[in-house]
Amino acid sequence: MKILLFVDKLYGGGAERVASILLNHLCEKHNVTAVIFDDKLPTYPINPLIKIQKITVNGKIGVLHPIERIAKIRKAIKGNSPDLVISFLVEINRYSIIANLHTGYKIILSEHTSIQGKQKIWLYLTRHILYRFATKVTLLSGSDYKYARWMRNKTLMYNPLSYSIFKEQSQREKTIVAVSSQKRWHVKGFDLLIQAWAKIAPSNPNWRLQFIGANNSNYISEMAKSSGLENRVDFSGWTNEIDQILRTKSIYVLSSRREGFPCSLLEAMSQGCACVAFDCKTGPNEIITDGKSGLLAHNGDINDLAAKLQRLINDEQLRQRLAKGATEEARRFEKGKIMRQWDDLIDEVTLNTRKKANT
């Protein structure tokens, strides 16, 4: 089967990592082409069997930009004549679904942010109108699935775990770690985390807070300084070896204002961190069983987040118990299980196409 997958790029983000995992899985049985819109080479592992096709859009941002992008996506679809088109991320999805209209090709659109809450008009129109023309739309959470009452072609598809589950005992640093690129600091609630850390840092002089993916030249570092925490907070840039780092840390914290499906939380659980997360609208409470595989703090409540962190700092046995529960919980999202769900979805979508081809 020929499969054409559109994704903005193959580096840097959680959705892009999931796309690379799916591509590497699909190429074992299918003829797979990935179409990207970025000149940078993929940094996630990509099987050499996968063809990489680049689309360059020359038009400036404005009216011509989406028209040119849609035209080039349509040309790529017709040029490859795939049995199935897959598109990742809502912006690419809106271009792909328009480009695919009246081609006759099956198309799966994959969402990687929550569809709930206040939205820009183009997002609302994409999800409420354009998505109706897709064969299937994958949603990240059970909460989103229930919310999308208008969407008859929806299916639930969790993100797969990127790493193997770490089963060994390891010596862990007295460090609380948070992970995200620094440009997303507001969504990830790093300012809320700094405020929570300021409440408990003076009572815990042997503990540190570390941000992975952020450097010390942004608003968060300035906020740490103004709170008197410049010597208690560490900033390290992005790395592709986050699993190696996580297995040396004691506590992982997710302070997000909103989430789709927090891959970094799942990754931290798989590497044996004791985890605490804001119970924001989608994601964390579908991954963590509160009190068994992690702790959930009231959404946006800085005092509760500080109290939950303090509880973990005070109780090593609790950290160990939650870490053990976290690795067990993470098995629900192991790569093989999620990829089998993708296989089942693709079989369902392409069944009629394959029947016609065999007659």
Protein backbone atom coordinates (compact mmCIF):
# COMPACT_ATOMS: atom_id res chain seq x y z
CA MET A 1 0.00 0.00 0.00
CA LYS A 2 1.19 3.52 -0.81
CA ILE A 3 0.86 5.94 2.11
CA LEU A 4 1.55 9.68 1.92
CA LEU A 5 2.03 11.48 5.25
CA PHE A 6 2.11 15.28 5.59
CA VAL A 7 3.81 16.85 8.61
CA ASP A 8 5.38 20.28 9.05
CA LYS A 9 8.80 18.95 10.06
CA LEU A 10 10.49 15.93 11.62
CA TYR A 11 12.31 17.48 14.56
CA GLY A 12 11.66 19.35 17.78
CA GLY A 13 8.08 18.63 18.83
CA GLY A 14 5.97 15.90 20.36
CA ALA A 15 3.67 15.56 17.33
CA GLU A 16 6.68 15.39 15.03
CA ARG A 17 8.18 12.64 17.20
CA VAL A 18 4.91 10.68 16.96
CA ALA A 19 4.91 11.16 13.18
CA SER A 20 8.45 9.73 12.98
CA ILE A 21 7.43 6.72 15.09
CA LEU A 22 4.41 6.10 12.86
CA LEU A 23 6.45 6.49 9.67
CA ASN A 24 9.08 4.03 10.88
CA HIS A 25 6.37 1.53 11.75
CA LEU A 26 4.42 1.88 8.51
CA CYS A 27 7.44 1.53 6.24
CA GLU A 28 7.91 -2.06 7.47
CA LYS A 29 4.81 -3.09 5.47
CA HIS A 30 4.01 -0.21 3.15
CA ASN A 31 5.51 2.13 0.58
CA VAL A 32 5.72 5.35 2.61
CA THR A 33 6.50 8.95 1.63
CA ALA A 34 6.74 11.80 4.14
CA VAL A 35 6.07 15.31 2.85
CA ILE A 36 7.60 18.06 5.01
CA PHE A 37 7.60 21.86 4.79
CA ASP A 38 10.97 22.63 6.39
CA ASP A 39 14.47 22.66 4.93
CA LYS A 40 16.09 21.29 8.07
CA LEU A 41 16.96 17.61 8.06
CA PRO A 42 15.00 15.30 10.40
CA THR A 43 16.62 14.84 13.80
CA TYR A 44 14.30 12.05 14.86
CA PRO A 45 15.37 8.61 13.59
CA ILE A 46 13.95 7.95 10.12
CA ASN A 47 14.19 4.60 8.34
CA PRO A 48 16.00 4.97 4.98
CA LEU A 49 13.09 3.13 3.32
CA ILE A 50 10.97 6.27 3.88
CA LYS A 51 11.03 8.75 1.00
CA ILE A 52 11.28 12.38 2.10
CA GLN A 53 9.66 14.96 -0.14
CA LYS A 54 9.98 18.68 0.63
CA ILE A 55 7.49 21.38 -0.24
CA THR A 56 8.79 24.94 -0.37
CA VAL A 57 6.26 27.74 -0.21
CA ASN A 58 7.59 30.97 -1.73
CA GLY A 59 4.59 33.23 -1.16
CA LYS A 60 4.78 35.67 1.74
CA ILE A 61 2.42 35.23 4.66
CA GLY A 62 -0.92 36.52 3.43
CA VAL A 63 -3.57 35.51 0.91
CA LEU A 64 -1.15 33.84 -1.51
CA HIS A 65 0.60 31.74 1.12
CA PRO A 66 -2.24 29.25 1.84
CA ILE A 67 -3.25 29.13 -1.84
CA GLU A 68 0.27 28.17 -2.88
CA ARG A 69 0.55 25.64 -0.07
CA ILE A 70 -2.77 23.99 -0.95
CA ALA A 71 -1.82 23.84 -4.64
CA LYS A 72 1.51 22.18 -3.88
CA ILE A 73 -0.06 19.70 -1.44
CA ARG A 74 -2.65 18.78 -4.09
CA LYS A 75 0.13 18.33 -6.65
CA ALA A 76 1.99 16.04 -4.21
CA ILE A 77 -1.16 13.98 -3.60
CA LYS A 78 -1.91 13.54 -7.29
CA GLY A 79 1.75 12.92 -8.13
CA ASN A 80 2.07 10.10 -5.59
CA SER A 81 -1.39 8.55 -6.20
CA PRO A 82 -1.49 7.10 -2.65
CA ASP A 83 -3.90 4.53 -1.28
CA LEU A 84 -4.06 6.65 1.86
CA VAL A 85 -3.18 10.21 2.90
CA ILE A 86 -2.36 11.00 6.56
CA SER A 87 -1.94 14.56 7.83
CA PHE A 88 -0.52 15.70 11.20
CA LEU A 89 -1.31 18.93 13.10
CA VAL A 90 -4.29 21.19 12.62
CA GLU A 91 -2.67 23.81 10.35
CA ILE A 92 -1.37 21.17 7.94
CA ASN A 93 -4.71 19.35 8.27
CA ARG A 94 -6.72 22.30 6.99
CA TYR A 95 -4.51 22.63 3.91
CA SER A 96 -4.43 18.88 3.30
CA ILE A 97 -8.19 18.36 3.52
CA ILE A 98 -8.85 21.22 1.07
CA ALA A 99 -6.15 19.93 -1.28
CA ASN A 100 -7.61 16.42 -1.15
CA LEU A 101 -11.18 17.45 -2.04
CA HIS A 102 -12.60 15.58 -5.06
CA THR A 103 -9.45 13.48 -5.52
CA GLY A 104 -11.12 10.29 -4.29
CA TYR A 105 -8.25 9.49 -1.89
CA LYS A 106 -8.91 8.37 1.69
CA ILE A 107 -7.49 10.78 4.27
CA ILE A 108 -6.86 10.56 8.03
CA LEU A 109 -6.35 13.84 9.91
CA SER A 110 -4.43 13.56 13.17
CA GLU A 111 -5.01 16.18 15.89
CA HIS A 112 -2.20 16.86 18.38
CA THR A 113 -3.66 19.64 20.51
CA SER A 114 -6.87 19.79 22.50
CA ILE A 115 -9.89 20.87 20.47
CA GLN A 116 -11.61 22.39 23.52
CA GLY A 117 -11.71 25.96 24.76
CA LYS A 118 -11.77 29.31 23.01
CA GLN A 119 -10.47 29.08 19.44
CA LYS A 120 -9.52 31.39 16.61
CA ILE A 121 -12.13 31.46 13.88
CA TRP A 122 -9.98 29.49 11.42
CA LEU A 123 -9.53 26.72 13.99
CA TYR A 124 -13.26 26.57 14.65
CA LEU A 125 -14.09 26.40 10.93
CA THR A 126 -11.40 23.78 10.31
CA ARG A 127 -12.62 21.47 13.05
CA HIS A 128 -16.37 22.01 12.61
CA ILE A 129 -16.61 22.16 8.82
CA LEU A 130 -13.47 20.99 6.99
CA TYR A 131 -12.97 17.94 9.20
CA ARG A 132 -16.32 16.60 7.96
CA PHE A 133 -14.65 15.82 4.63
CA ALA A 134 -12.01 13.54 6.20
CA THR A 135 -12.36 9.79 6.23
CA LYS A 136 -11.27 9.74 9.89
CA VAL A 137 -10.02 12.26 12.46
CA THR A 138 -7.87 11.06 15.35
CA LEU A 139 -8.28 12.86 18.69
CA LEU A 140 -5.76 12.78 21.53
CA SER A 141 -7.91 12.31 24.61
CA GLY A 142 -11.13 10.75 25.80
CA SER A 143 -12.15 14.21 26.98
CA ASP A 144 -11.80 15.61 23.44
CA TYR A 145 -13.63 12.58 22.03
CA LYS A 146 -16.64 13.25 24.28
CA TYR A 147 -16.48 16.98 23.56
CA ALA A 148 -16.57 16.59 19.76
CA ARG A 149 -20.26 15.66 19.57
CA TRP A 150 -20.56 17.07 16.03
CA MET A 151 -17.73 14.89 14.69
CA ARG A 152 -19.07 11.60 13.29
CA ASN A 153 -15.74 10.46 11.83
CA LYS A 154 -13.70 10.76 15.05
CA THR A 155 -11.59 8.09 16.72
CA LEU A 156 -9.49 8.14 19.89
CA MET A 157 -5.74 7.70 19.37
CA TYR A 158 -3.34 8.28 22.25
CA ASN A 159 0.26 9.21 21.56
CA PRO A 160 2.72 6.33 21.86
CA LEU A 161 5.49 6.20 24.41
CA SER A 162 8.75 7.21 22.75
CA TYR A 163 11.13 5.34 25.05
CA SER A 164 11.50 1.87 26.45
CA ILE A 165 10.37 1.63 30.06
CA PHE A 166 13.30 1.99 32.46
CA LYS A 167 13.11 -0.90 34.93
CA GLU A 168 16.43 -0.59 36.74
CA GLN A 169 17.07 1.04 40.09
CA SER A 170 19.15 4.19 39.83
CA GLN A 171 20.62 6.83 42.09
CA ARG A 172 18.52 9.94 41.60
CA GLU A 173 19.44 13.56 42.11
CA LYS A 174 17.37 15.80 44.36
CA THR A 175 16.04 17.64 41.35
CA ILE A 176 12.58 18.64 40.19
CA VAL A 177 12.54 18.73 36.39
CA ALA A 178 10.21 20.32 33.81
CA VAL A 179 10.51 19.83 30.05
CA SER A 180 9.48 22.03 27.12
CA SER A 181 10.88 24.36 24.50
CA GLN A 182 11.19 27.86 25.96
CA LYS A 183 8.89 29.44 23.36
CA ARG A 184 5.98 27.54 24.98
CA TRP A 185 6.72 28.67 28.52
CA HIS A 186 3.31 30.33 29.02
CA VAL A 187 1.27 27.33 27.86
CA LYS A 188 3.49 25.08 29.97
CA GLY A 189 2.92 27.30 33.01
CA PHE A 190 6.61 27.77 33.82
CA ASP A 191 5.76 31.09 35.47
CA LEU A 192 3.31 29.25 37.77
CA LEU A 193 5.99 26.68 38.54
CA ILE A 194 8.49 29.39 39.51
CA GLN A 195 5.90 30.83 41.89
CA ALA A 196 5.25 27.41 43.43
CA TRP A 197 9.00 26.73 43.77
CA ALA A 198 9.50 30.12 45.45
CA LYS A 199 7.13 29.00 48.21
CA ILE A 200 9.09 25.85 49.11
CA ALA A 201 12.66 26.38 47.92
CA PRO A 202 13.88 28.09 51.13
CA SER A 203 12.80 25.04 53.18
CA ASN A 204 14.57 22.60 50.85
CA PRO A 205 18.14 23.85 50.34
CA ASN A 206 19.35 20.50 48.95
CA TRP A 207 16.83 20.45 46.13
CA ARG A 208 16.94 22.22 42.74
CA LEU A 209 14.52 23.01 39.93
CA GLN A 210 15.67 22.32 36.37
CA PHE A 211 14.12 23.39 33.06
CA ILE A 212 15.07 21.23 30.07
CA GLY A 213 14.53 22.91 26.70
CA ALA A 214 14.84 26.48 28.03
CA ASN A 215 17.92 28.66 28.40
CA ASN A 216 18.71 31.36 30.94
CA SER A 217 17.97 34.34 28.71
CA ASN A 218 14.20 34.55 28.79
CA TYR A 219 11.32 35.75 30.92
CA ILE A 220 11.41 32.67 33.15
CA SER A 221 15.06 33.17 34.08
CA GLU A 222 14.33 36.83 34.87
CA MET A 223 11.39 35.74 36.99
CA ALA A 224 13.63 33.29 38.85
CA LYS A 225 16.11 36.09 39.56
CA SER A 226 13.44 38.49 40.79
CA SER A 227 12.19 35.75 43.15
CA GLY A 228 15.70 35.27 44.56
CA LEU A 229 15.98 31.81 42.95
CA GLU A 230 18.78 32.40 40.46
CA ASN A 231 21.02 29.96 42.36
CA ARG A 232 18.25 27.39 42.81
CA VAL A 233 17.07 27.04 39.20
CA ASP A 234 18.99 25.48 36.30
CA PHE A 235 18.35 25.94 32.59
CA SER A 236 19.56 23.48 29.98
CA GLY A 237 18.93 23.53 26.25
CA TRP A 238 17.14 20.94 24.19
CA THR A 239 18.54 17.42 23.88
CA ASN A 240 17.48 14.23 22.10
CA GLU A 241 18.59 12.19 25.12
CA ILE A 242 15.89 13.30 27.53
CA ASP A 243 15.31 9.71 28.63
CA GLN A 244 18.89 9.51 29.91
CA ILE A 245 18.38 12.70 31.91
CA LEU A 246 14.97 11.76 33.31
CA ARG A 247 16.21 8.51 34.81
CA THR A 248 18.61 10.50 37.00
CA LYS A 249 15.96 12.91 38.40
CA SER A 250 13.65 12.36 41.37
CA ILE A 251 10.57 14.41 40.49
CA TYR A 252 8.95 15.53 37.25
CA VAL A 253 6.41 18.38 37.26
CA LEU A 254 3.86 19.37 34.63
CA SER A 255 2.55 22.89 35.36
CA SER A 256 0.68 23.40 32.06
CA ARG A 257 -2.28 25.70 31.67
CA ARG A 258 -3.59 23.37 28.96
CA GLU A 259 -2.49 20.21 27.20
CA GLY A 260 -3.46 17.91 24.37
CA PHE A 261 -1.69 14.77 25.44
CA PRO A 262 1.50 15.55 27.40
CA CYS A 263 4.18 13.28 25.93
CA SER A 264 6.81 14.63 28.33
CA LEU A 265 4.72 13.51 31.33
CA LEU A 266 4.38 10.01 29.89
CA GLU A 267 8.10 9.90 29.14
CA ALA A 268 8.98 10.95 32.70
CA MET A 269 6.69 8.25 34.10
CA SER A 270 8.33 5.63 31.87
CA GLN A 271 11.76 6.57 33.22
CA GLY A 272 10.76 6.16 36.87
CA CYS A 273 10.23 9.77 37.97
CA ALA A 274 7.70 10.54 40.69
CA CYS A 275 5.33 12.89 38.87
CA VAL A 276 3.00 15.72 39.84
CA ALA A 277 0.82 17.55 37.33
CA PHE A 278 -1.85 20.20 37.21
CA ASP A 279 -5.17 18.50 36.49
CA CYS A 280 -5.71 20.66 33.41
CA LYS A 281 -8.60 20.03 31.08
CA THR A 282 -7.22 17.26 28.86
CA GLY A 283 -4.38 14.81 29.23
CA PRO A 284 -2.94 14.42 32.74
CA ASN A 285 -5.90 12.65 34.38
CA GLU A 286 -6.02 10.16 31.51
CA ILE A 287 -2.37 9.27 32.11
CA ILE A 288 -1.98 9.55 35.92
CA THR A 289 -4.07 7.62 38.40
CA ASP A 290 -3.97 10.09 41.30
CA GLY A 291 -2.16 8.69 44.31
CA LYS A 292 -1.11 5.52 42.47
CA SER A 293 1.05 6.58 39.52
CA GLY A 294 1.47 10.27 40.33
CA LEU A 295 -0.17 13.23 42.02
CA LEU A 296 -2.68 15.63 40.47
CA ALA A 297 -2.79 19.23 41.72
CA HIS A 298 -5.87 21.42 41.34
CA ASN A 299 -5.68 23.10 37.95
CA GLY A 300 -3.81 26.42 38.17
CA ASP A 301 -3.60 26.29 41.98
CA ILE A 302 -0.05 27.35 42.82
CA ASN A 303 -0.45 26.61 46.52
CA ASP A 304 -1.66 23.07 45.82
CA LEU A 305 1.17 22.47 43.36
CA ALA A 306 3.69 23.64 45.97
CA ALA A 307 2.08 21.40 48.60
CA LYS A 308 2.19 18.35 46.31
CA LEU A 309 5.86 18.99 45.49
CA GLN A 310 6.66 19.40 49.18
CA ARG A 311 4.89 16.13 49.94
CA LEU A 312 7.08 14.31 47.43
CA ILE A 313 10.25 15.98 48.72
CA ASN A 314 9.42 14.94 52.30
CA ASP A 315 8.57 11.30 51.55
CA GLU A 316 11.12 9.17 49.71
CA GLN A 317 9.00 6.04 50.08
CA LEU A 318 6.08 7.83 48.42
CA ARG A 319 8.36 8.87 45.55
CA GLN A 320 9.46 5.27 45.08
CA ARG A 321 5.91 3.93 45.22
CA LEU A 322 4.61 6.47 42.72
CA ALA A 323 7.61 5.89 40.44
CA LYS A 324 6.86 2.15 40.42
CA GLY A 325 3.20 2.86 39.71
CA ALA A 326 4.20 5.28 36.94
CA THR A 327 6.26 2.69 35.02
CA GLU A 328 3.36 0.24 35.27
CA GLU A 329 0.87 2.86 34.08
CA ALA A 330 3.11 3.81 31.15
CA ARG A 331 2.74 0.31 29.69
CA ARG A 332 -0.75 1.28 28.50
CA PHE A 333 0.90 3.58 25.98
CA GLU A 334 3.78 1.39 24.78
CA LYS A 335 4.71 1.94 21.16
CA GLY A 336 3.65 -1.51 19.96
CA LYS A 337 0.13 -1.16 21.41
CA ILE A 338 -0.51 2.25 19.86
CA MET A 339 0.95 1.21 16.50
CA ARG A 340 -1.42 -1.78 16.42
CA GLN A 341 -4.29 0.67 16.90
CA TRP A 342 -2.99 2.67 13.93
CA ASP A 343 -2.82 -0.55 11.89
CA ASP A 344 -6.44 -1.34 12.76
CA LEU A 345 -7.53 2.18 11.82
CA ILE A 346 -5.72 2.05 8.48
CA ASP A 347 -7.23 -1.38 7.75
CA GLU A 348 -10.70 0.01 8.51
CA VAL A 349 -10.21 3.10 6.33
CA THR A 350 -8.71 1.29 3.34
CA LEU A 351 -10.79 -1.92 3.44
CA ASN A 352 -13.14 -0.94 0.60
CA THR A 353 -10.25 0.38 -1.47
CA ARG A 354 -8.39 -2.92 -1.15
CA LYS A 355 -11.53 -4.93 -1.93
CA LYS A 356 -12.00 -2.99 -5.18
CA ALA A 357 -8.33 -3.49 -6.10
CA ASN A 358 -8.67 -7.25 -5.66
CA THR A 359 -11.83 -7.59 -7.80
